[in-house]
Amino acid sequence: SIHNDALSPRQLLLQSSATSRQMGAKAGAFRENLCIDVAGDAAWPPPSGSVLRFESGAALRVTFACEPCGTGAAHAGVDLDAVKPPLRGILATVVEGGKVGVGDRVAWEKGLFEALPDKFAGRVRRFVAKVPRGEIVSYDQLIWFAGGLPSHARAMPSILTAKASAGLPIHRVVAGGGKLVGAPKMSDQQAKLEAEGVTVEGGVVQATRWDPTHAELFLTRPPDL
């Protein structure tokens, strides 16, 4: 079924019929929402940021490759070791709704939107950069936006304080319950928040939660749809 949360990068899973045949599986074996027949001169998969347009007017924005998992491989009846990205399929969000049926034509355009990193940490950083001054975002929100799992919360302090996060407004990220992150490399978090007019009481941040739209998260360069 289609994931109906507009803030999820995992609304649909797309697969190509050629990839399924390559893996020795039938269409639908990877539990994809859509299986697409690809013309011989078209390279699959379309890169992140591409838009797939269907005859009905429906349009999908490619987010990133779906990670191989044991459950998916078992359902498809293939060896997990053989399912390398992007053989598991690609994920997408809905830009424009519409009915899609068997035999409908589809075309895609590359580079219409910002490409998202395949790595979870890279996607987290991409969204941290979008958090407005005076607002905060929680671990749970970032994990959801980046298409991660609740268990990724343990990795958040390391992601935020890594060299790759230099220059990002990581002080606007809070832990569970709105608490300061508490990482040694973020000892100045409270001071930075207060400099933006944000109140911190007893280690808990009192500020407006960032409430982005689907467009703010995924459609940074909207095409003329």
N, C-alpha and C. Protein backbone atom coordinates (compact mmCIF):
# COMPACT_ATOMS: atom_id res chain seq x y z
N SER A 1 0.84 -1.19 0.00
CA SER A 1 0.00 0.00 0.00
C SER A 1 0.88 1.25 0.00
N ILE A 2 0.34 2.37 -0.48
CA ILE A 2 1.09 3.60 -0.53
C ILE A 2 1.15 4.23 0.85
N HIS A 3 2.33 4.70 1.23
CA HIS A 3 2.50 5.38 2.50
C HIS A 3 1.91 6.77 2.36
N ASN A 4 0.90 7.11 3.19
CA ASN A 4 0.17 8.36 2.96
C ASN A 4 0.72 9.54 3.75
N ASP A 5 1.88 9.42 4.37
CA ASP A 5 2.47 10.55 5.08
C ASP A 5 3.29 11.37 4.10
N ALA A 6 2.87 12.61 3.88
CA ALA A 6 3.54 13.46 2.89
C ALA A 6 4.97 13.80 3.29
N LEU A 7 5.33 13.61 4.55
CA LEU A 7 6.68 13.95 5.01
C LEU A 7 7.61 12.74 5.02
N SER A 8 7.15 11.65 4.45
CA SER A 8 8.00 10.46 4.35
C SER A 8 8.61 10.37 2.96
N PRO A 9 9.91 10.06 2.88
CA PRO A 9 10.53 9.86 1.57
C PRO A 9 10.26 8.48 1.01
N ARG A 10 9.49 7.68 1.76
CA ARG A 10 9.23 6.29 1.39
C ARG A 10 7.77 6.06 1.01
N GLN A 11 7.16 6.99 0.30
CA GLN A 11 5.75 6.82 -0.03
C GLN A 11 5.51 5.65 -0.97
N LEU A 12 6.40 5.46 -1.93
CA LEU A 12 6.25 4.35 -2.87
C LEU A 12 7.59 3.68 -3.12
N LEU A 13 7.52 2.38 -3.41
CA LEU A 13 8.69 1.62 -3.84
C LEU A 13 8.50 1.28 -5.32
N LEU A 14 9.49 1.62 -6.13
CA LEU A 14 9.44 1.38 -7.57
C LEU A 14 10.49 0.35 -7.96
N GLN A 15 10.14 -0.51 -8.89
CA GLN A 15 11.06 -1.52 -9.38
C GLN A 15 10.90 -1.62 -10.89
N SER A 16 11.93 -2.09 -11.57
CA SER A 16 11.81 -2.31 -13.01
C SER A 16 11.64 -3.80 -13.27
N SER A 17 10.87 -4.12 -14.30
CA SER A 17 10.65 -5.53 -14.64
C SER A 17 11.96 -6.20 -15.03
N ALA A 18 12.85 -5.44 -15.68
CA ALA A 18 14.14 -5.99 -16.09
C ALA A 18 14.98 -6.40 -14.89
N THR A 19 14.93 -5.58 -13.83
CA THR A 19 15.68 -5.91 -12.62
C THR A 19 15.12 -7.16 -11.96
N SER A 20 13.81 -7.26 -11.92
CA SER A 20 13.18 -8.45 -11.34
C SER A 20 13.62 -9.70 -12.10
N ARG A 21 13.60 -9.62 -13.44
CA ARG A 21 14.03 -10.78 -14.24
C ARG A 21 15.51 -11.08 -13.99
N GLN A 22 16.33 -10.04 -13.88
CA GLN A 22 17.75 -10.21 -13.62
C GLN A 22 17.98 -10.97 -12.32
N MET A 23 17.11 -10.71 -11.33
CA MET A 23 17.23 -11.35 -10.02
C MET A 23 16.53 -12.70 -9.98
N GLY A 24 15.90 -13.08 -11.09
CA GLY A 24 15.18 -14.34 -11.13
C GLY A 24 13.88 -14.30 -10.36
N ALA A 25 13.29 -13.10 -10.28
CA ALA A 25 12.04 -12.94 -9.53
C ALA A 25 10.95 -12.41 -10.45
N LYS A 26 9.71 -12.59 -10.03
CA LYS A 26 8.57 -12.11 -10.79
C LYS A 26 8.25 -10.67 -10.39
N ALA A 27 7.53 -9.97 -11.25
CA ALA A 27 7.07 -8.62 -10.93
C ALA A 27 6.24 -8.65 -9.66
N GLY A 28 6.50 -7.75 -8.76
CA GLY A 28 5.80 -7.71 -7.48
C GLY A 28 6.48 -8.49 -6.37
N ALA A 29 7.50 -9.23 -6.72
CA ALA A 29 8.16 -10.07 -5.71
C ALA A 29 8.86 -9.25 -4.64
N PHE A 30 9.28 -8.04 -4.98
CA PHE A 30 9.95 -7.19 -4.00
C PHE A 30 8.97 -6.30 -3.26
N ARG A 31 7.67 -6.57 -3.42
CA ARG A 31 6.60 -5.82 -2.78
C ARG A 31 6.60 -4.36 -3.23
N GLU A 32 7.03 -4.13 -4.46
CA GLU A 32 7.01 -2.77 -4.98
C GLU A 32 5.58 -2.32 -5.25
N ASN A 33 5.35 -1.01 -5.17
CA ASN A 33 4.05 -0.45 -5.49
C ASN A 33 3.84 -0.38 -7.00
N LEU A 34 4.91 -0.11 -7.73
CA LEU A 34 4.84 -0.03 -9.18
C LEU A 34 6.02 -0.76 -9.80
N CYS A 35 5.74 -1.58 -10.81
CA CYS A 35 6.80 -2.25 -11.56
C CYS A 35 6.77 -1.66 -12.97
N ILE A 36 7.90 -1.17 -13.41
CA ILE A 36 7.96 -0.41 -14.65
C ILE A 36 8.79 -1.13 -15.70
N ASP A 37 8.23 -1.25 -16.91
CA ASP A 37 8.98 -1.78 -18.04
C ASP A 37 9.83 -0.64 -18.61
N VAL A 38 11.12 -0.88 -18.70
CA VAL A 38 12.04 0.17 -19.13
C VAL A 38 12.50 -0.11 -20.56
N ALA A 39 12.43 0.92 -21.42
CA ALA A 39 12.90 0.78 -22.80
C ALA A 39 14.41 0.53 -22.81
N GLY A 40 14.87 -0.13 -23.84
CA GLY A 40 16.27 -0.55 -23.90
C GLY A 40 17.27 0.57 -23.80
N ASP A 41 16.92 1.78 -24.24
CA ASP A 41 17.87 2.89 -24.21
C ASP A 41 17.73 3.77 -22.99
N ALA A 42 16.87 3.37 -22.06
CA ALA A 42 16.68 4.16 -20.84
C ALA A 42 17.42 3.50 -19.68
N ALA A 43 18.21 4.28 -18.99
CA ALA A 43 19.00 3.74 -17.87
C ALA A 43 18.14 3.71 -16.60
N TRP A 44 18.10 2.54 -15.98
CA TRP A 44 17.37 2.38 -14.70
C TRP A 44 18.38 2.11 -13.61
N PRO A 45 18.22 2.72 -12.42
CA PRO A 45 17.11 3.59 -12.04
C PRO A 45 17.39 5.06 -12.36
N PRO A 46 16.35 5.87 -12.47
CA PRO A 46 16.56 7.30 -12.61
C PRO A 46 17.17 7.83 -11.31
N PRO A 47 18.09 8.77 -11.38
CA PRO A 47 18.76 9.25 -10.16
C PRO A 47 17.84 10.04 -9.25
N SER A 48 18.26 10.16 -8.00
CA SER A 48 17.51 10.96 -7.03
C SER A 48 17.32 12.37 -7.57
N GLY A 49 16.11 12.90 -7.37
CA GLY A 49 15.79 14.22 -7.88
C GLY A 49 15.06 14.18 -9.20
N SER A 50 14.99 13.00 -9.84
CA SER A 50 14.25 12.85 -11.08
C SER A 50 12.75 12.83 -10.80
N VAL A 51 11.98 13.15 -11.83
CA VAL A 51 10.52 13.08 -11.74
C VAL A 51 10.00 12.11 -12.78
N LEU A 52 9.18 11.17 -12.35
CA LEU A 52 8.51 10.23 -13.25
C LEU A 52 7.10 10.74 -13.50
N ARG A 53 6.75 10.91 -14.77
CA ARG A 53 5.43 11.42 -15.14
C ARG A 53 4.63 10.34 -15.86
N PHE A 54 3.39 10.15 -15.44
CA PHE A 54 2.52 9.14 -16.03
C PHE A 54 1.45 9.79 -16.91
N GLU A 55 0.85 8.99 -17.76
CA GLU A 55 -0.16 9.49 -18.69
C GLU A 55 -1.29 10.22 -17.98
N SER A 56 -1.64 9.77 -16.79
CA SER A 56 -2.76 10.35 -16.05
C SER A 56 -2.46 11.73 -15.50
N GLY A 57 -1.19 12.12 -15.53
CA GLY A 57 -0.80 13.37 -14.90
C GLY A 57 -0.13 13.16 -13.56
N ALA A 58 -0.19 11.93 -13.04
CA ALA A 58 0.50 11.62 -11.79
C ALA A 58 2.00 11.82 -11.98
N ALA A 59 2.65 12.30 -10.93
CA ALA A 59 4.09 12.53 -10.99
C ALA A 59 4.73 12.14 -9.67
N LEU A 60 5.88 11.47 -9.75
CA LEU A 60 6.60 11.00 -8.57
C LEU A 60 8.01 11.58 -8.57
N ARG A 61 8.49 11.91 -7.39
CA ARG A 61 9.85 12.42 -7.21
C ARG A 61 10.70 11.32 -6.62
N VAL A 62 11.76 10.91 -7.30
CA VAL A 62 12.64 9.86 -6.80
C VAL A 62 13.45 10.41 -5.63
N THR A 63 13.46 9.67 -4.51
CA THR A 63 14.20 10.12 -3.33
C THR A 63 15.56 9.43 -3.22
N PHE A 64 15.56 8.10 -2.98
CA PHE A 64 16.83 7.38 -2.88
C PHE A 64 16.59 5.89 -3.05
N ALA A 65 17.66 5.14 -3.17
CA ALA A 65 17.55 3.69 -3.34
C ALA A 65 17.10 3.04 -2.04
N CYS A 66 16.23 2.06 -2.17
CA CYS A 66 15.77 1.30 -1.00
C CYS A 66 16.88 0.36 -0.54
N GLU A 67 17.09 0.30 0.75
CA GLU A 67 18.14 -0.53 1.29
C GLU A 67 17.75 -2.01 1.23
N PRO A 68 18.68 -2.88 0.83
CA PRO A 68 18.39 -4.32 0.85
C PRO A 68 18.10 -4.78 2.28
N CYS A 69 17.17 -5.72 2.42
CA CYS A 69 16.87 -6.26 3.74
C CYS A 69 16.52 -7.73 3.61
N GLY A 70 16.69 -8.45 4.69
CA GLY A 70 16.43 -9.87 4.69
C GLY A 70 14.99 -10.21 4.39
N THR A 71 14.07 -9.40 4.91
CA THR A 71 12.64 -9.67 4.70
C THR A 71 12.29 -9.54 3.22
N GLY A 72 12.78 -8.46 2.59
CA GLY A 72 12.48 -8.26 1.18
C GLY A 72 13.08 -9.35 0.31
N ALA A 73 14.33 -9.73 0.61
CA ALA A 73 14.99 -10.76 -0.18
C ALA A 73 14.26 -12.10 -0.03
N ALA A 74 13.86 -12.40 1.20
CA ALA A 74 13.16 -13.66 1.44
C ALA A 74 11.83 -13.70 0.71
N HIS A 75 11.12 -12.58 0.71
CA HIS A 75 9.83 -12.52 0.02
C HIS A 75 10.00 -12.71 -1.47
N ALA A 76 11.10 -12.16 -2.01
CA ALA A 76 11.36 -12.30 -3.45
C ALA A 76 11.98 -13.64 -3.80
N GLY A 77 12.42 -14.38 -2.78
CA GLY A 77 13.02 -15.69 -3.02
C GLY A 77 14.42 -15.61 -3.60
N VAL A 78 15.16 -14.54 -3.19
CA VAL A 78 16.53 -14.37 -3.70
C VAL A 78 17.49 -14.27 -2.53
N ASP A 79 18.77 -14.45 -2.81
CA ASP A 79 19.82 -14.37 -1.80
C ASP A 79 20.06 -12.90 -1.45
N LEU A 80 20.05 -12.59 -0.17
CA LEU A 80 20.25 -11.21 0.28
C LEU A 80 21.57 -10.65 -0.25
N ASP A 81 22.61 -11.45 -0.30
CA ASP A 81 23.91 -10.97 -0.76
C ASP A 81 23.88 -10.51 -2.21
N ALA A 82 22.90 -10.99 -2.96
CA ALA A 82 22.79 -10.62 -4.37
C ALA A 82 22.00 -9.33 -4.58
N VAL A 83 21.33 -8.87 -3.52
CA VAL A 83 20.46 -7.69 -3.64
C VAL A 83 21.25 -6.44 -3.25
N LYS A 84 22.02 -5.92 -4.16
CA LYS A 84 22.79 -4.72 -3.91
C LYS A 84 21.99 -3.50 -4.36
N PRO A 85 22.14 -2.35 -3.65
CA PRO A 85 21.45 -1.14 -4.14
C PRO A 85 21.91 -0.82 -5.55
N PRO A 86 21.02 -0.42 -6.46
CA PRO A 86 19.59 -0.18 -6.24
C PRO A 86 18.70 -1.34 -6.69
N LEU A 87 19.23 -2.58 -6.65
CA LEU A 87 18.44 -3.72 -7.12
C LEU A 87 17.19 -3.94 -6.29
N ARG A 88 17.19 -3.48 -5.03
CA ARG A 88 16.01 -3.63 -4.18
C ARG A 88 14.87 -2.74 -4.66
N GLY A 89 15.20 -1.70 -5.45
CA GLY A 89 14.20 -0.76 -5.92
C GLY A 89 14.55 0.66 -5.49
N ILE A 90 13.78 1.62 -5.96
CA ILE A 90 13.99 3.00 -5.58
C ILE A 90 12.73 3.54 -4.92
N LEU A 91 12.91 4.50 -4.04
CA LEU A 91 11.80 5.09 -3.29
C LEU A 91 11.41 6.43 -3.91
N ALA A 92 10.16 6.81 -3.68
CA ALA A 92 9.67 8.05 -4.28
C ALA A 92 8.56 8.65 -3.45
N THR A 93 8.33 9.94 -3.64
CA THR A 93 7.21 10.64 -3.03
C THR A 93 6.29 11.16 -4.13
N VAL A 94 5.05 11.42 -3.76
CA VAL A 94 4.06 11.88 -4.73
C VAL A 94 4.12 13.39 -4.89
N VAL A 95 4.30 13.84 -6.13
CA VAL A 95 4.28 15.27 -6.44
C VAL A 95 2.89 15.68 -6.92
N GLU A 96 2.33 14.87 -7.82
CA GLU A 96 0.97 15.09 -8.30
C GLU A 96 0.24 13.76 -8.31
N GLY A 97 -0.98 13.75 -7.78
CA GLY A 97 -1.75 12.53 -7.71
C GLY A 97 -2.40 12.19 -9.06
N GLY A 98 -2.89 10.97 -9.16
CA GLY A 98 -3.55 10.51 -10.37
C GLY A 98 -3.58 9.00 -10.40
N LYS A 99 -4.45 8.44 -11.21
CA LYS A 99 -4.55 6.99 -11.34
C LYS A 99 -3.46 6.46 -12.27
N VAL A 100 -2.89 5.35 -11.90
CA VAL A 100 -1.87 4.70 -12.72
C VAL A 100 -2.31 3.27 -12.96
N GLY A 101 -2.39 2.86 -14.22
CA GLY A 101 -2.85 1.53 -14.54
C GLY A 101 -1.83 0.74 -15.34
N VAL A 102 -2.11 -0.54 -15.47
CA VAL A 102 -1.23 -1.43 -16.25
C VAL A 102 -1.18 -0.93 -17.69
N GLY A 103 0.02 -0.81 -18.22
CA GLY A 103 0.20 -0.38 -19.59
C GLY A 103 0.34 1.12 -19.78
N ASP A 104 0.15 1.90 -18.71
CA ASP A 104 0.30 3.35 -18.84
C ASP A 104 1.75 3.70 -19.17
N ARG A 105 1.91 4.68 -20.00
CA ARG A 105 3.26 5.13 -20.34
C ARG A 105 3.82 6.02 -19.23
N VAL A 106 5.13 5.96 -19.07
CA VAL A 106 5.80 6.80 -18.08
C VAL A 106 7.11 7.31 -18.68
N ALA A 107 7.41 8.54 -18.36
CA ALA A 107 8.68 9.13 -18.79
C ALA A 107 9.29 9.83 -17.59
N TRP A 108 10.60 9.98 -17.62
CA TRP A 108 11.21 10.70 -16.49
C TRP A 108 12.19 11.75 -16.96
N GLU A 109 12.31 12.76 -16.10
CA GLU A 109 13.23 13.86 -16.34
C GLU A 109 14.22 13.93 -15.17
N LYS A 110 15.47 14.07 -15.49
CA LYS A 110 16.50 14.08 -14.46
C LYS A 110 16.78 15.50 -13.96
N GLY A 111 17.21 15.57 -12.69
CA GLY A 111 17.73 16.81 -12.14
C GLY A 111 16.73 17.91 -11.87
N LEU A 112 15.43 17.58 -11.81
CA LEU A 112 14.44 18.62 -11.54
C LEU A 112 14.44 19.04 -10.08
N PHE A 113 14.77 18.10 -9.20
CA PHE A 113 14.81 18.39 -7.78
C PHE A 113 16.20 18.10 -7.22
N GLU A 114 16.43 18.55 -6.01
CA GLU A 114 17.68 18.30 -5.32
C GLU A 114 17.88 16.80 -5.08
N ALA A 115 19.04 16.29 -5.42
CA ALA A 115 19.34 14.88 -5.17
C ALA A 115 19.56 14.66 -3.68
N LEU A 116 19.01 13.58 -3.15
CA LEU A 116 19.22 13.23 -1.75
C LEU A 116 20.32 12.17 -1.65
N PRO A 117 21.17 12.26 -0.64
CA PRO A 117 22.23 11.25 -0.48
C PRO A 117 21.64 9.87 -0.23
N ASP A 118 22.34 8.84 -0.68
CA ASP A 118 21.90 7.47 -0.40
C ASP A 118 22.12 7.12 1.07
N LYS A 119 23.12 7.72 1.69
CA LYS A 119 23.43 7.42 3.09
C LYS A 119 22.49 8.18 4.02
N PHE A 120 22.03 7.49 5.07
CA PHE A 120 21.12 8.10 6.04
C PHE A 120 21.72 9.35 6.66
N ALA A 121 22.98 9.31 7.07
CA ALA A 121 23.61 10.46 7.71
C ALA A 121 23.61 11.68 6.80
N GLY A 122 23.84 11.46 5.53
CA GLY A 122 23.84 12.56 4.57
C GLY A 122 22.47 13.20 4.45
N ARG A 123 21.43 12.38 4.50
CA ARG A 123 20.07 12.93 4.41
C ARG A 123 19.72 13.71 5.66
N VAL A 124 20.14 13.22 6.82
CA VAL A 124 19.91 13.95 8.07
C VAL A 124 20.52 15.34 7.97
N ARG A 125 21.77 15.41 7.52
CA ARG A 125 22.44 16.71 7.42
C ARG A 125 21.74 17.63 6.43
N ARG A 126 21.23 17.06 5.35
CA ARG A 126 20.54 17.87 4.35
C ARG A 126 19.31 18.56 4.96
N PHE A 127 18.61 17.84 5.85
CA PHE A 127 17.42 18.42 6.45
C PHE A 127 17.75 19.34 7.62
N VAL A 128 18.81 19.05 8.35
CA VAL A 128 19.23 19.95 9.43
C VAL A 128 19.51 21.34 8.86
N ALA A 129 20.10 21.38 7.68
CA ALA A 129 20.43 22.66 7.04
C ALA A 129 19.20 23.51 6.75
N LYS A 130 18.02 22.89 6.71
CA LYS A 130 16.79 23.60 6.37
C LYS A 130 16.06 24.18 7.59
N VAL A 131 16.45 23.79 8.80
CA VAL A 131 15.72 24.21 9.99
C VAL A 131 15.87 25.72 10.20
N PRO A 132 14.76 26.47 10.27
CA PRO A 132 14.84 27.94 10.39
C PRO A 132 15.36 28.40 11.75
N ARG A 133 15.91 29.58 11.77
CA ARG A 133 16.36 30.23 12.99
C ARG A 133 15.20 30.38 13.97
N GLY A 134 15.45 30.09 15.24
CA GLY A 134 14.43 30.23 16.27
C GLY A 134 13.50 29.04 16.40
N GLU A 135 13.68 28.01 15.56
CA GLU A 135 12.87 26.80 15.64
C GLU A 135 13.77 25.61 15.92
N ILE A 136 13.16 24.51 16.34
CA ILE A 136 13.92 23.31 16.66
C ILE A 136 13.32 22.11 15.94
N VAL A 137 14.13 21.06 15.85
CA VAL A 137 13.67 19.82 15.24
C VAL A 137 14.16 18.67 16.11
N SER A 138 13.36 17.66 16.28
CA SER A 138 13.73 16.55 17.15
C SER A 138 14.41 15.42 16.39
N TYR A 139 15.08 14.55 17.15
CA TYR A 139 15.65 13.34 16.55
C TYR A 139 14.58 12.59 15.75
N ASP A 140 13.41 12.39 16.38
CA ASP A 140 12.36 11.60 15.75
C ASP A 140 11.94 12.21 14.41
N GLN A 141 11.82 13.53 14.37
CA GLN A 141 11.43 14.17 13.12
C GLN A 141 12.47 13.94 12.03
N LEU A 142 13.74 14.18 12.37
CA LEU A 142 14.81 14.03 11.38
C LEU A 142 14.91 12.60 10.87
N ILE A 143 14.76 11.65 11.78
CA ILE A 143 14.82 10.24 11.38
C ILE A 143 13.70 9.92 10.40
N TRP A 144 12.51 10.46 10.67
CA TRP A 144 11.37 10.22 9.78
C TRP A 144 11.59 10.87 8.42
N PHE A 145 12.01 12.14 8.43
CA PHE A 145 12.23 12.85 7.17
C PHE A 145 13.29 12.14 6.32
N ALA A 146 14.30 11.58 6.99
CA ALA A 146 15.42 10.95 6.29
C ALA A 146 15.16 9.49 5.96
N GLY A 147 13.99 8.98 6.34
CA GLY A 147 13.64 7.61 6.01
C GLY A 147 14.37 6.57 6.84
N GLY A 148 14.67 6.92 8.10
CA GLY A 148 15.40 6.01 8.97
C GLY A 148 14.49 5.21 9.88
N LEU A 149 15.09 4.52 10.83
CA LEU A 149 14.37 3.71 11.81
C LEU A 149 14.55 4.31 13.20
N PRO A 150 13.64 4.02 14.15
CA PRO A 150 13.79 4.55 15.51
C PRO A 150 15.16 4.24 16.13
N SER A 151 15.74 3.10 15.76
CA SER A 151 17.04 2.73 16.30
C SER A 151 18.16 3.68 15.87
N HIS A 152 17.92 4.47 14.83
CA HIS A 152 18.92 5.43 14.37
C HIS A 152 19.14 6.55 15.38
N ALA A 153 18.25 6.67 16.38
CA ALA A 153 18.40 7.74 17.38
C ALA A 153 19.75 7.65 18.08
N ARG A 154 20.25 6.44 18.26
CA ARG A 154 21.54 6.27 18.95
C ARG A 154 22.69 6.89 18.16
N ALA A 155 22.53 6.97 16.85
CA ALA A 155 23.60 7.49 16.00
C ALA A 155 23.54 9.00 15.83
N MET A 156 22.46 9.64 16.26
CA MET A 156 22.28 11.05 15.98
C MET A 156 23.39 11.94 16.55
N PRO A 157 23.81 11.78 17.82
CA PRO A 157 24.88 12.65 18.32
C PRO A 157 26.15 12.56 17.48
N SER A 158 26.51 11.36 17.06
CA SER A 158 27.71 11.18 16.24
C SER A 158 27.54 11.84 14.87
N ILE A 159 26.36 11.72 14.27
CA ILE A 159 26.11 12.35 12.98
C ILE A 159 26.20 13.86 13.09
N LEU A 160 25.61 14.41 14.15
CA LEU A 160 25.57 15.86 14.31
C LEU A 160 26.94 16.46 14.57
N THR A 161 27.80 15.73 15.26
CA THR A 161 29.10 16.30 15.65
C THR A 161 30.24 15.86 14.74
N ALA A 162 29.96 15.12 13.69
CA ALA A 162 31.00 14.71 12.75
C ALA A 162 31.49 15.92 11.94
N LYS A 163 32.66 15.79 11.37
CA LYS A 163 33.23 16.88 10.58
C LYS A 163 32.31 17.30 9.44
N ALA A 164 31.61 16.33 8.88
CA ALA A 164 30.72 16.62 7.75
C ALA A 164 29.57 17.54 8.13
N SER A 165 29.32 17.70 9.43
CA SER A 165 28.22 18.56 9.89
C SER A 165 28.69 19.98 10.20
N ALA A 166 29.96 20.26 10.02
CA ALA A 166 30.50 21.58 10.32
C ALA A 166 29.75 22.66 9.54
N GLY A 167 29.38 23.71 10.24
CA GLY A 167 28.67 24.82 9.60
C GLY A 167 27.17 24.67 9.57
N LEU A 168 26.65 23.51 9.95
CA LEU A 168 25.20 23.30 9.98
C LEU A 168 24.63 23.77 11.32
N PRO A 169 23.37 24.17 11.36
CA PRO A 169 22.75 24.62 12.62
C PRO A 169 22.35 23.45 13.51
N ILE A 170 23.34 22.66 13.90
CA ILE A 170 23.03 21.45 14.68
C ILE A 170 22.48 21.80 16.06
N HIS A 171 22.70 23.04 16.53
CA HIS A 171 22.17 23.44 17.84
C HIS A 171 20.65 23.49 17.85
N ARG A 172 20.03 23.46 16.67
CA ARG A 172 18.57 23.48 16.59
C ARG A 172 17.96 22.09 16.66
N VAL A 173 18.80 21.08 16.83
CA VAL A 173 18.32 19.70 16.95
C VAL A 173 18.24 19.34 18.43
N VAL A 174 17.12 18.77 18.84
CA VAL A 174 16.94 18.38 20.24
C VAL A 174 16.68 16.89 20.36
N ALA A 175 16.99 16.37 21.52
CA ALA A 175 16.77 14.95 21.81
C ALA A 175 15.31 14.74 22.26
N GLY A 176 15.01 13.55 22.73
CA GLY A 176 13.66 13.23 23.18
C GLY A 176 13.17 14.18 24.26
N GLY A 177 11.90 14.54 24.19
CA GLY A 177 11.33 15.44 25.18
C GLY A 177 11.81 16.87 25.07
N GLY A 178 12.44 17.21 23.95
CA GLY A 178 12.93 18.57 23.75
C GLY A 178 14.19 18.89 24.53
N LYS A 179 14.88 17.86 24.98
CA LYS A 179 16.08 18.08 25.78
C LYS A 179 17.29 18.44 24.91
N LEU A 180 18.23 19.17 25.51
CA LEU A 180 19.49 19.45 24.84
C LEU A 180 20.17 18.12 24.52
N VAL A 181 20.92 18.09 23.42
CA VAL A 181 21.56 16.85 23.00
C VAL A 181 22.55 16.34 24.03
N GLY A 182 23.32 17.23 24.63
CA GLY A 182 24.22 16.83 25.70
C GLY A 182 25.53 16.23 25.25
N ALA A 183 25.80 16.24 23.95
CA ALA A 183 27.08 15.71 23.46
C ALA A 183 28.20 16.69 23.82
N PRO A 184 29.38 16.17 24.19
CA PRO A 184 30.50 17.04 24.56
C PRO A 184 30.80 18.11 23.51
N LYS A 185 30.69 17.75 22.23
CA LYS A 185 31.01 18.71 21.16
C LYS A 185 29.87 19.69 20.91
N MET A 186 28.78 19.57 21.70
CA MET A 186 27.67 20.51 21.56
C MET A 186 27.40 21.22 22.88
N SER A 187 28.45 21.45 23.64
CA SER A 187 28.32 22.10 24.94
C SER A 187 27.82 23.54 24.83
N ASP A 188 27.94 24.13 23.65
CA ASP A 188 27.48 25.50 23.45
C ASP A 188 26.06 25.56 22.88
N GLN A 189 25.35 24.44 22.88
CA GLN A 189 24.02 24.41 22.28
C GLN A 189 23.08 25.40 22.93
N GLN A 190 23.03 25.43 24.25
CA GLN A 190 22.11 26.33 24.94
C GLN A 190 22.42 27.78 24.62
N ALA A 191 23.69 28.14 24.64
CA ALA A 191 24.09 29.53 24.36
C ALA A 191 23.69 29.93 22.94
N LYS A 192 23.87 29.04 21.98
CA LYS A 192 23.51 29.36 20.60
C LYS A 192 22.01 29.52 20.44
N LEU A 193 21.24 28.67 21.12
CA LEU A 193 19.78 28.78 21.04
C LEU A 193 19.30 30.08 21.68
N GLU A 194 19.86 30.40 22.83
CA GLU A 194 19.46 31.63 23.52
C GLU A 194 19.82 32.86 22.69
N ALA A 195 20.90 32.78 21.92
CA ALA A 195 21.29 33.89 21.05
C ALA A 195 20.27 34.11 19.94
N GLU A 196 19.47 33.07 19.67
CA GLU A 196 18.42 33.17 18.66
C GLU A 196 17.06 33.48 19.29
N GLY A 197 17.07 33.78 20.59
CA GLY A 197 15.83 34.12 21.28
C GLY A 197 15.05 32.95 21.80
N VAL A 198 15.68 31.78 21.84
CA VAL A 198 15.01 30.56 22.30
C VAL A 198 15.26 30.37 23.80
N THR A 199 14.22 30.00 24.53
CA THR A 199 14.33 29.77 25.97
C THR A 199 14.67 28.32 26.28
N VAL A 200 15.60 28.12 27.20
CA VAL A 200 15.95 26.78 27.66
C VAL A 200 15.78 26.75 29.17
N GLU A 201 14.94 25.87 29.67
CA GLU A 201 14.67 25.76 31.11
C GLU A 201 14.93 24.35 31.58
N GLY A 202 15.88 24.21 32.51
CA GLY A 202 16.18 22.89 33.06
C GLY A 202 16.66 21.91 32.02
N GLY A 203 17.36 22.39 31.00
CA GLY A 203 17.87 21.51 29.96
C GLY A 203 16.85 21.15 28.89
N VAL A 204 15.64 21.73 29.00
CA VAL A 204 14.59 21.47 28.02
C VAL A 204 14.37 22.73 27.18
N VAL A 205 14.34 22.58 25.89
CA VAL A 205 14.22 23.71 24.98
C VAL A 205 12.74 24.07 24.76
N GLN A 206 12.43 25.35 24.97
CA GLN A 206 11.08 25.84 24.78
C GLN A 206 11.05 26.64 23.48
N ALA A 207 10.69 25.99 22.40
CA ALA A 207 10.67 26.66 21.11
C ALA A 207 9.69 25.98 20.17
N THR A 208 9.34 26.67 19.11
CA THR A 208 8.44 26.13 18.10
C THR A 208 9.12 24.99 17.35
N ARG A 209 8.41 23.89 17.22
CA ARG A 209 8.94 22.78 16.42
C ARG A 209 8.83 23.10 14.95
N TRP A 210 9.87 22.82 14.21
CA TRP A 210 9.85 22.98 12.77
C TRP A 210 8.76 22.09 12.19
N ASP A 211 7.90 22.65 11.39
CA ASP A 211 6.78 21.91 10.81
C ASP A 211 6.81 22.10 9.30
N PRO A 212 7.76 21.44 8.62
CA PRO A 212 7.93 21.67 7.19
C PRO A 212 6.81 21.05 6.36
N THR A 213 6.65 21.58 5.18
CA THR A 213 5.72 20.99 4.21
C THR A 213 6.47 19.98 3.36
N HIS A 214 5.72 19.20 2.60
CA HIS A 214 6.32 18.25 1.66
C HIS A 214 7.23 18.99 0.69
N ALA A 215 6.78 20.16 0.22
CA ALA A 215 7.58 20.93 -0.73
C ALA A 215 8.90 21.39 -0.11
N GLU A 216 8.86 21.83 1.14
CA GLU A 216 10.09 22.29 1.80
C GLU A 216 11.10 21.17 1.94
N LEU A 217 10.62 19.97 2.19
CA LEU A 217 11.53 18.84 2.39
C LEU A 217 12.07 18.30 1.07
N PHE A 218 11.21 18.12 0.11
CA PHE A 218 11.59 17.33 -1.07
C PHE A 218 11.55 18.08 -2.41
N LEU A 219 10.89 19.22 -2.46
CA LEU A 219 10.72 19.89 -3.75
C LEU A 219 11.42 21.24 -3.74
N THR A 220 12.72 21.19 -3.62
CA THR A 220 13.48 22.44 -3.49
C THR A 220 13.59 23.20 -4.80
N ARG A 221 13.43 22.49 -5.91
CA ARG A 221 13.44 23.14 -7.21
C ARG A 221 12.22 22.65 -7.99
N PRO A 222 11.04 23.14 -7.63
CA PRO A 222 9.82 22.59 -8.23
C PRO A 222 9.75 22.81 -9.74
N PRO A 223 9.47 21.76 -10.48
CA PRO A 223 9.28 21.90 -11.92
C PRO A 223 7.87 22.41 -12.20
N ASP A 224 7.60 22.75 -13.42
CA ASP A 224 6.28 23.15 -13.83
C ASP A 224 5.45 21.92 -14.10
N LEU A 225 4.74 21.48 -13.07
CA LEU A 225 3.92 20.26 -13.21
C LEU A 225 2.51 20.65 -13.60
